[in-house]
PDB file of N, CA and C in Angstrom:
ATOM      1  N   MET A   1     -10.879 128.895  93.893  1.00  0.00           N
ATOM      2  CA  MET A   1     -10.567 127.494  94.053  1.00  0.00           C
ATOM      3  C   MET A   1     -11.827 126.783  94.541  1.00  0.00           C
ATOM      4  N   LYS A   2     -12.176 125.701  93.927  1.00  0.00           N
ATOM      5  CA  LYS A   2     -13.389 124.969  94.272  1.00  0.00           C
ATOM      6  C   LYS A   2     -13.187 124.159  95.557  1.00  0.00           C
ATOM      7  N   ASP A   3     -14.188 124.184  96.399  1.00  0.00           N
ATOM      8  CA  ASP A   3     -14.142 123.431  97.647  1.00  0.00           C
ATOM      9  C   ASP A   3     -14.509 121.983  97.349  1.00  0.00           C
ATOM     10  N   THR A   4     -13.549 121.084  97.505  1.00  0.00           N
ATOM     11  CA  THR A   4     -13.776 119.672  97.176  1.00  0.00           C
ATOM     12  C   THR A   4     -13.885 118.803  98.419  1.00  0.00           C
ATOM     13  N   ARG A   5     -14.113 119.423  99.581  1.00  0.00           N
ATOM     14  CA  ARG A   5     -14.206 118.638 100.808  1.00  0.00           C
ATOM     15  C   ARG A   5     -15.544 117.912 100.894  1.00  0.00           C
ATOM     16  N   THR A   6     -15.536 116.790 101.595  1.00  0.00           N
ATOM     17  CA  THR A   6     -16.771 116.053 101.824  1.00  0.00           C
ATOM     18  C   THR A   6     -17.560 116.724 102.942  1.00  0.00           C
ATOM     19  N   LEU A   7     -18.785 116.266 103.152  1.00  0.00           N
ATOM     20  CA  LEU A   7     -19.619 116.841 104.201  1.00  0.00           C
ATOM     21  C   LEU A   7     -18.999 116.623 105.578  1.00  0.00           C
ATOM     22  N   LEU A   8     -18.436 115.444 105.818  1.00  0.00           N
ATOM     23  CA  LEU A   8     -17.795 115.171 107.099  1.00  0.00           C
ATOM     24  C   LEU A   8     -16.595 116.091 107.321  1.00  0.00           C
ATOM     25  N   GLN A   9     -15.829 116.340 106.279  1.00  0.00           N
ATOM     26  CA  GLN A   9     -14.689 117.243 106.403  1.00  0.00           C
ATOM     27  C   GLN A   9     -15.138 118.665 106.706  1.00  0.00           C
ATOM     28  N   ARG A  10     -16.242 119.087 106.113  1.00  0.00           N
ATOM     29  CA  ARG A  10     -16.745 120.430 106.382  1.00  0.00           C
ATOM     30  C   ARG A  10     -17.260 120.559 107.803  1.00  0.00           C
ATOM     31  N   LEU A  11     -17.898 119.528 108.312  1.00  0.00           N
ATOM     32  CA  LEU A  11     -18.445 119.581 109.664  1.00  0.00           C
ATOM     33  C   LEU A  11     -17.361 119.535 110.732  1.00  0.00           C
ATOM     34  N   THR A  12     -16.234 118.903 110.441  1.00  0.00           N
ATOM     35  CA  THR A  12     -15.171 118.764 111.436  1.00  0.00           C
ATOM     36  C   THR A  12     -14.028 119.756 111.211  1.00  0.00           C
ATOM     37  N   TRP A  13     -14.240 120.771 110.402  1.00  0.00           N
ATOM     38  CA  TRP A  13     -13.170 121.683 110.042  1.00  0.00           C
ATOM     39  C   TRP A  13     -12.649 122.473 111.241  1.00  0.00           C
ATOM     40  N   THR A  14     -13.499 122.834 112.184  1.00  0.00           N
ATOM     41  CA  THR A  14     -13.066 123.716 113.267  1.00  0.00           C
ATOM     42  C   THR A  14     -11.998 123.092 114.143  1.00  0.00           C
ATOM     43  N   TRP A  15     -11.995 121.794 114.336  1.00  0.00           N
ATOM     44  CA  TRP A  15     -10.935 121.200 115.159  1.00  0.00           C
ATOM     45  C   TRP A  15      -9.855 120.505 114.336  1.00  0.00           C
ATOM     46  N   ARG A  16      -9.949 120.558 113.016  1.00  0.00           N
ATOM     47  CA  ARG A  16      -8.894 119.984 112.182  1.00  0.00           C
ATOM     48  C   ARG A  16      -8.012 121.038 111.535  1.00  0.00           C
ATOM     49  N   LYS A  17      -8.365 122.312 111.672  1.00  0.00           N
ATOM     50  CA  LYS A  17      -7.580 123.339 110.990  1.00  0.00           C
ATOM     51  C   LYS A  17      -6.342 123.717 111.798  1.00  0.00           C
ATOM     52  N   CYS A  18      -5.266 124.045 111.092  1.00  0.00           N
ATOM     53  CA  CYS A  18      -4.004 124.447 111.703  1.00  0.00           C
ATOM     54  C   CYS A  18      -3.559 125.772 111.094  1.00  0.00           C
ATOM     55  N   LEU A  19      -3.073 126.654 111.942  1.00  0.00           N
ATOM     56  CA  LEU A  19      -2.561 127.932 111.467  1.00  0.00           C
ATOM     57  C   LEU A  19      -1.245 127.701 110.734  1.00  0.00           C
ATOM     58  N   VAL A  20      -1.199 128.099 109.475  1.00  0.00           N
ATOM     59  CA  VAL A  20      -0.003 127.859 108.670  1.00  0.00           C
ATOM     60  C   VAL A  20       0.719 129.158 108.318  1.00  0.00           C
ATOM     61  N   PHE A  21       0.021 130.279 108.327  1.00  0.00           N
ATOM     62  CA  PHE A  21       0.644 131.537 107.936  1.00  0.00           C
ATOM     63  C   PHE A  21      -0.130 132.687 108.555  1.00  0.00           C
ATOM     64  N   GLU A  22       0.596 133.683 109.061  1.00  0.00           N
ATOM     65  CA  GLU A  22      -0.044 134.901 109.533  1.00  0.00           C
ATOM     66  C   GLU A  22       0.819 136.092 109.161  1.00  0.00           C
ATOM     67  N   SER A  23       0.163 137.192 108.856  1.00  0.00           N
ATOM     68  CA  SER A  23       0.889 138.359 108.400  1.00  0.00           C
ATOM     69  C   SER A  23       0.041 139.599 108.643  1.00  0.00           C
ATOM     70  N   TYR A  24       0.711 140.734 108.769  1.00  0.00           N
ATOM     71  CA  TYR A  24       0.028 142.021 108.842  1.00  0.00           C
ATOM     72  C   TYR A  24       0.036 142.722 107.489  1.00  0.00           C
ATOM     73  N   ARG A  25       0.635 142.100 106.487  1.00  0.00           N
ATOM     74  CA  ARG A  25       0.764 142.720 105.170  1.00  0.00           C
ATOM     75  C   ARG A  25      -0.045 141.939 104.141  1.00  0.00           C
ATOM     76  N   LEU A  26      -0.751 142.676 103.297  1.00  0.00           N
ATOM     77  CA  LEU A  26      -1.576 142.027 102.281  1.00  0.00           C
ATOM     78  C   LEU A  26      -0.757 141.439 101.142  1.00  0.00           C
ATOM     79  N   ASP A  27       0.395 142.021 100.843  1.00  0.00           N
ATOM     80  CA  ASP A  27       1.171 141.497  99.721  1.00  0.00           C
ATOM     81  C   ASP A  27       1.749 140.123 100.029  1.00  0.00           C
ATOM     82  N   THR A  28       2.256 139.913 101.243  1.00  0.00           N
ATOM     83  CA  THR A  28       2.757 138.579 101.586  1.00  0.00           C
ATOM     84  C   THR A  28       1.609 137.587 101.739  1.00  0.00           C
ATOM     85  N   MET A  29       0.456 138.070 102.192  1.00  0.00           N
ATOM     86  CA  MET A  29      -0.710 137.200 102.321  1.00  0.00           C
ATOM     87  C   MET A  29      -1.168 136.710 100.946  1.00  0.00           C
ATOM     88  N   SER A  30      -1.159 137.582  99.958  1.00  0.00           N
ATOM     89  CA  SER A  30      -1.577 137.168  98.617  1.00  0.00           C
ATOM     90  C   SER A  30      -0.577 136.194  97.998  1.00  0.00           C
ATOM     91  N   GLN A  31       0.711 136.362  98.294  1.00  0.00           N
ATOM     92  CA  GLN A  31       1.708 135.411  97.809  1.00  0.00           C
ATOM     93  C   GLN A  31       1.484 134.032  98.421  1.00  0.00           C
ATOM     94  N   ALA A  32       1.193 133.991  99.718  1.00  0.00           N
ATOM     95  CA  ALA A  32       0.954 132.715 100.385  1.00  0.00           C
ATOM     96  C   ALA A  32      -0.303 132.038  99.846  1.00  0.00           C
ATOM     97  N   ARG A  33      -1.360 132.820  99.615  1.00  0.00           N
ATOM     98  CA  ARG A  33      -2.588 132.251  99.035  1.00  0.00           C
ATOM     99  C   ARG A  33      -2.332 131.674  97.660  1.00  0.00           C
ATOM    100  N   GLN A  34      -1.542 132.387  96.854  1.00  0.00           N
ATOM    101  CA  GLN A  34      -1.247 131.924  95.505  1.00  0.00           C
ATOM    102  C   GLN A  34      -0.447 130.624  95.518  1.00  0.00           C
ATOM    103  N   ILE A  35       0.525 130.511  96.414  1.00  0.00           N
ATOM    104  CA  ILE A  35       1.339 129.294  96.505  1.00  0.00           C
ATOM    105  C   ILE A  35       0.479 128.100  96.900  1.00  0.00           C
ATOM    106  N   LEU A  36      -0.404 128.290  97.888  1.00  0.00           N
ATOM    107  CA  LEU A  36      -1.273 127.186  98.310  1.00  0.00           C
ATOM    108  C   LEU A  36      -2.257 126.798  97.216  1.00  0.00           C
ATOM    109  N   ALA A  37      -2.804 127.779  96.520  1.00  0.00           N
ATOM    110  CA  ALA A  37      -3.775 127.486  95.463  1.00  0.00           C
ATOM    111  C   ALA A  37      -3.124 126.783  94.275  1.00  0.00           C
ATOM    112  N   GLU A  38      -1.902 127.169  93.939  1.00  0.00           N
ATOM    113  CA  GLU A  38      -1.203 126.523  92.820  1.00  0.00           C
ATOM    114  C   GLU A  38      -0.921 125.059  93.095  1.00  0.00           C
ATOM    115  N   ASN A  39      -0.768 124.708  94.365  1.00  0.00           N
ATOM    116  CA  ASN A  39      -0.474 123.329  94.740  1.00  0.00           C
ATOM    117  C   ASN A  39      -1.711 122.585  95.239  1.00  0.00           C
ATOM    118  N   PHE A  40      -2.875 123.154  94.995  1.00  0.00           N
ATOM    119  CA  PHE A  40      -4.164 122.526  95.299  1.00  0.00           C
ATOM    120  C   PHE A  40      -4.312 122.156  96.774  1.00  0.00           C
ATOM    121  N   ILE A  41      -3.890 123.039  97.653  1.00  0.00           N
ATOM    122  CA  ILE A  41      -4.073 122.853  99.087  1.00  0.00           C
ATOM    123  C   ILE A  41      -5.213 123.753  99.527  1.00  0.00           C
ATOM    124  N   PHE A  42      -6.257 123.154 100.092  1.00  0.00           N
ATOM    125  CA  PHE A  42      -7.416 123.925 100.523  1.00  0.00           C
ATOM    126  C   PHE A  42      -7.049 124.739 101.761  1.00  0.00           C
ATOM    127  N   TYR A  43      -7.472 126.002 101.788  1.00  0.00           N
ATOM    128  CA  TYR A  43      -7.189 126.866 102.928  1.00  0.00           C
ATOM    129  C   TYR A  43      -8.403 127.744 103.217  1.00  0.00           C
ATOM    130  N   THR A  44      -8.466 128.227 104.428  1.00  0.00           N
ATOM    131  CA  THR A  44      -9.413 129.278 104.783  1.00  0.00           C
ATOM    132  C   THR A  44      -8.612 130.412 105.390  1.00  0.00           C
ATOM    133  N   GLU A  45      -9.191 131.589 105.380  1.00  0.00           N
ATOM    134  CA  GLU A  45      -8.480 132.733 105.927  1.00  0.00           C
ATOM    135  C   GLU A  45      -9.370 133.490 106.889  1.00  0.00           C
ATOM    136  N   GLU A  46      -8.728 134.131 107.850  1.00  0.00           N
ATOM    137  CA  GLU A  46      -9.436 134.928 108.837  1.00  0.00           C
ATOM    138  C   GLU A  46      -8.701 136.249 109.002  1.00  0.00           C
ATOM    139  N   TRP A  47      -9.474 137.278 109.340  1.00  0.00           N
ATOM    140  CA  TRP A  47      -8.897 138.588 109.605  1.00  0.00           C
ATOM    141  C   TRP A  47      -9.213 138.942 111.052  1.00  0.00           C
ATOM    142  N   LEU A  48      -8.212 139.355 111.784  1.00  0.00           N
ATOM    143  CA  LEU A  48      -8.393 139.774 113.166  1.00  0.00           C
ATOM    144  C   LEU A  48      -8.045 141.251 113.272  1.00  0.00           C
ATOM    145  N   ASN A  49      -9.039 142.045 113.574  1.00  0.00           N
ATOM    146  CA  ASN A  49      -8.820 143.474 113.695  1.00  0.00           C
ATOM    147  C   ASN A  49      -8.502 143.804 115.147  1.00  0.00           C
ATOM    148  N   ARG A  50      -7.421 144.490 115.373  1.00  0.00           N
ATOM    149  CA  ARG A  50      -6.986 144.773 116.736  1.00  0.00           C
ATOM    150  C   ARG A  50      -7.195 146.234 117.116  1.00  0.00           C
ATOM    151  N   ASP A  51      -8.190 146.887 116.557  1.00  0.00           N
ATOM    152  CA  ASP A  51      -8.426 148.291 116.869  1.00  0.00           C
ATOM    153  C   ASP A  51      -8.880 148.514 118.306  1.00  0.00           C
ATOM    154  N   TYR A  52      -9.352 147.479 118.962  1.00  0.00           N
ATOM    155  CA  TYR A  52      -9.867 147.685 120.311  1.00  0.00           C
ATOM    156  C   TYR A  52      -8.765 148.081 121.294  1.00  0.00           C
ATOM    157  N   HIS A  53      -7.500 147.801 120.973  1.00  0.00           N
ATOM    158  CA  HIS A  53      -6.406 148.226 121.858  1.00  0.00           C
ATOM    159  C   HIS A  53      -6.187 149.738 121.793  1.00  0.00           C
ATOM    160  N   ASP A  54      -6.248 150.282 120.590  1.00  0.00           N
ATOM    161  CA  ASP A  54      -5.946 151.700 120.393  1.00  0.00           C
ATOM    162  C   ASP A  54      -7.136 152.438 119.789  1.00  0.00           C
ATOM    163  N   ARG A  55      -8.304 152.222 120.300  1.00  0.00           N
ATOM    164  CA  ARG A  55      -9.470 152.805 119.634  1.00  0.00           C
ATOM    165  C   ARG A  55      -9.487 154.329 119.720  1.00  0.00           C
ATOM    166  N   TYR A  56      -8.807 154.915 120.712  1.00  0.00           N
ATOM    167  CA  TYR A  56      -8.787 156.373 120.835  1.00  0.00           C
ATOM    168  C   TYR A  56      -7.546 156.992 120.222  1.00  0.00           C
ATOM    169  N   PHE A  57      -6.589 156.164 119.833  1.00  0.00           N
ATOM    170  CA  PHE A  57      -5.361 156.673 119.245  1.00  0.00           C
ATOM    171  C   PHE A  57      -5.277 156.154 117.816  1.00  0.00           C
ATOM    172  N   TYR A  58      -5.957 156.828 116.925  1.00  0.00           N
ATOM    173  CA  TYR A  58      -6.067 156.330 115.555  1.00  0.00           C
ATOM    174  C   TYR A  58      -4.741 156.361 114.807  1.00  0.00           C
ATOM    175  N   SER A  59      -3.815 157.202 115.239  1.00  0.00           N
ATOM    176  CA  SER A  59      -2.529 157.249 114.536  1.00  0.00           C
ATOM    177  C   SER A  59      -1.752 155.957 114.743  1.00  0.00           C
ATOM    178  N   ARG A  60      -1.976 155.241 115.857  1.00  0.00           N
ATOM    179  CA  ARG A  60      -1.265 153.998 116.111  1.00  0.00           C
ATOM    180  C   ARG A  60      -2.023 152.786 115.597  1.00  0.00           C
ATOM    181  N   SER A  61      -3.276 152.957 115.215  1.00  0.00           N
ATOM    182  CA  SER A  61      -4.063 151.808 114.792  1.00  0.00           C
ATOM    183  C   SER A  61      -4.359 151.850 113.299  1.00  0.00           C
ATOM    184  N   VAL A  62      -3.395 152.292 112.517  1.00  0.00           N
ATOM    185  CA  VAL A  62      -3.600 152.408 111.082  1.00  0.00           C
ATOM    186  C   VAL A  62      -3.744 151.040 110.441  1.00  0.00           C
ATOM    187  N   ASP A  63      -2.829 150.127 110.745  1.00  0.00           N
ATOM    188  CA  ASP A  63      -2.880 148.806 110.116  1.00  0.00           C
ATOM    189  C   ASP A  63      -2.718 147.730 111.186  1.00  0.00           C
ATOM    190  N   ASN A  64      -3.753 147.535 111.959  1.00  0.00           N
ATOM    191  CA  ASN A  64      -3.698 146.558 113.032  1.00  0.00           C
ATOM    192  C   ASN A  64      -4.398 145.260 112.687  1.00  0.00           C
ATOM    193  N   THR A  65      -4.688 145.032 111.440  1.00  0.00           N
ATOM    194  CA  THR A  65      -5.390 143.824 111.046  1.00  0.00           C
ATOM    195  C   THR A  65      -4.387 142.710 110.791  1.00  0.00           C
ATOM    196  N   ARG A  66      -4.608 141.582 111.433  1.00  0.00           N
ATOM    197  CA  ARG A  66      -3.747 140.414 111.229  1.00  0.00           C
ATOM    198  C   ARG A  66      -4.494 139.427 110.358  1.00  0.00           C
ATOM    199  N   TYR A  67      -3.850 138.946 109.316  1.00  0.00           N
ATOM    200  CA  TYR A  67      -4.437 138.000 108.376  1.00  0.00           C
ATOM    201  C   TYR A  67      -3.860 136.623 108.654  1.00  0.00           C
ATOM    202  N   GLU A  68      -4.715 135.617 108.707  1.00  0.00           N
ATOM    203  CA  GLU A  68      -4.266 134.260 109.021  1.00  0.00           C
ATOM    204  C   GLU A  68      -4.785 133.283 107.976  1.00  0.00           C
ATOM    205  N   LEU A  69      -3.952 132.304 107.622  1.00  0.00           N
ATOM    206  CA  LEU A  69      -4.337 131.219 106.729  1.00  0.00           C
ATOM    207  C   LEU A  69      -4.338 129.917 107.507  1.00  0.00           C
ATOM    208  N   TYR A  70      -5.379 129.138 107.331  1.00  0.00           N
ATOM    209  CA  TYR A  70      -5.494 127.836 107.984  1.00  0.00           C
ATOM    210  C   TYR A  70      -5.582 126.742 106.934  1.00  0.00           C
ATOM    211  N   VAL A  71      -4.921 125.626 107.196  1.00  0.00           N
ATOM    212  CA  VAL A  71      -5.006 124.456 106.327  1.00  0.00           C
ATOM    213  C   VAL A  71      -5.394 123.252 107.174  1.00  0.00           C
ATOM    214  N   ASP A  72      -5.725 122.161 106.509  1.00  0.00           N
ATOM    215  CA  ASP A  72      -6.065 120.919 107.193  1.00  0.00           C
ATOM    216  C   ASP A  72      -4.815 120.329 107.838  1.00  0.00           C
ATOM    217  N   LYS A  73      -5.011 119.582 108.914  1.00  0.00           N
ATOM    218  CA  LYS A  73      -3.871 118.986 109.617  1.00  0.00           C
ATOM    219  C   LYS A  73      -3.057 118.064 108.731  1.00  0.00           C
ATOM    220  N   LYS A  74      -3.721 117.360 107.821  1.00  0.00           N
ATOM    221  CA  LYS A  74      -2.980 116.435 106.958  1.00  0.00           C
ATOM    222  C   LYS A  74      -2.144 117.170 105.906  1.00  0.00           C
ATOM    223  N   ASP A  75      -2.501 118.411 105.594  1.00  0.00           N
ATOM    224  CA  ASP A  75      -1.745 119.208 104.627  1.00  0.00           C
ATOM    225  C   ASP A  75      -0.766 120.173 105.283  1.00  0.00           C
ATOM    226  N   PHE A  76      -0.688 120.178 106.591  1.00  0.00           N
ATOM    227  CA  PHE A  76       0.100 121.187 107.295  1.00  0.00           C
ATOM    228  C   PHE A  76       1.589 121.108 106.946  1.00  0.00           C
ATOM    229  N   ALA A  77       2.173 119.935 106.993  1.00  0.00           N
ATOM    230  CA  ALA A  77       3.609 119.799 106.728  1.00  0.00           C
ATOM    231  C   ALA A  77       3.958 120.204 105.295  1.00  0.00           C
ATOM    232  N   VAL A  78       3.128 119.808 104.355  1.00  0.00           N
ATOM    233  CA  VAL A  78       3.376 120.152 102.949  1.00  0.00           C
ATOM    234  C   VAL A  78       3.258 121.664 102.745  1.00  0.00           C
ATOM    235  N   ALA A  79       2.233 122.262 103.354  1.00  0.00           N
ATOM    236  CA  ALA A  79       2.022 123.705 103.199  1.00  0.00           C
ATOM    237  C   ALA A  79       3.166 124.500 103.820  1.00  0.00           C
ATOM    238  N   MET A  80       3.617 124.098 105.007  1.00  0.00           N
ATOM    239  CA  MET A  80       4.738 124.793 105.645  1.00  0.00           C
ATOM    240  C   MET A  80       6.001 124.670 104.799  1.00  0.00           C
ATOM    241  N   ASP A  81       6.232 123.502 104.235  1.00  0.00           N
ATOM    242  CA  ASP A  81       7.410 123.305 103.395  1.00  0.00           C
ATOM    243  C   ASP A  81       7.347 124.172 102.145  1.00  0.00           C
ATOM    244  N   LEU A  82       6.171 124.249 101.525  1.00  0.00           N
ATOM    245  CA  LEU A  82       6.014 125.086 100.334  1.00  0.00           C
ATOM    246  C   LEU A  82       6.255 126.555 100.647  1.00  0.00           C
ATOM    247  N   LEU A  83       5.704 127.024 101.758  1.00  0.00           N
ATOM    248  CA  LEU A  83       5.861 128.439 102.105  1.00  0.00           C
ATOM    249  C   LEU A  83       7.304 128.766 102.481  1.00  0.00           C
ATOM    250  N   GLU A  84       7.964 127.859 103.175  1.00  0.00           N
ATOM    251  CA  GLU A  84       9.359 128.120 103.571  1.00  0.00           C
ATOM    252  C   GLU A  84      10.303 128.077 102.377  1.00  0.00           C
ATOM    253  N   THR A  85      10.048 127.207 101.407  1.00  0.00           N
ATOM    254  CA  THR A  85      10.914 127.173 100.223  1.00  0.00           C
ATOM    255  C   THR A  85      10.742 128.416  99.360  1.00  0.00           C
ATOM    256  N   ASN A  86       9.596 129.080  99.479  1.00  0.00           N
ATOM    257  CA  ASN A  86       9.365 130.315  98.732  1.00  0.00           C
ATOM    258  C   ASN A  86       9.682 131.559  99.559  1.00  0.00           C
ATOM    259  N   GLY A  87      10.274 131.386 100.720  1.00  0.00           N
ATOM    260  CA  GLY A  87      10.685 132.528 101.525  1.00  0.00           C
ATOM    261  C   GLY A  87       9.604 133.142 102.373  1.00  0.00           C
ATOM    262  N   LEU A  88       8.523 132.427 102.611  1.00  0.00           N
ATOM    263  CA  LEU A  88       7.429 132.950 103.423  1.00  0.00           C
ATOM    264  C   LEU A  88       7.251 132.078 104.664  1.00  0.00           C
ATOM    265  N   SER A  89       7.906 132.438 105.732  1.00  0.00           N
ATOM    266  CA  SER A  89       7.682 131.711 106.979  1.00  0.00           C
ATOM    267  C   SER A  89       6.989 132.664 107.931  1.00  0.00           C
ATOM    268  N   GLY A  90       5.675 132.609 107.959  1.00  0.00           N
ATOM    269  CA  GLY A  90       4.882 133.609 108.669  1.00  0.00           C
ATOM    270  C   GLY A  90       4.550 133.289 110.094  1.00  0.00           C
ATOM    271  N   ILE A  91       4.834 132.067 110.567  1.00  0.00           N
ATOM    272  CA  ILE A  91       4.535 131.783 111.974  1.00  0.00           C
ATOM    273  C   ILE A  91       5.773 131.297 112.683  1.00  0.00           C
TER     274      ILE A  91
END
């Protein structure tokens, strides 16, 4: 998806972004990305690895990565509505 934001929007992204979806599963994350992209809603994603809690117990830290999607504040309500109508309410 092409980034169509202006320079001002790119510079102010850190305080305008809102968490719209989070998941520990890649399949639901890909569904959420596809829904947002089909409706032309710009998003960014972050991965948070939580291995530092169980670094010595590898059997419990198999899939501790949390995936998060962020959208702009002005698109937040639309994005939440789209995800909830498709059965994905991740937050």
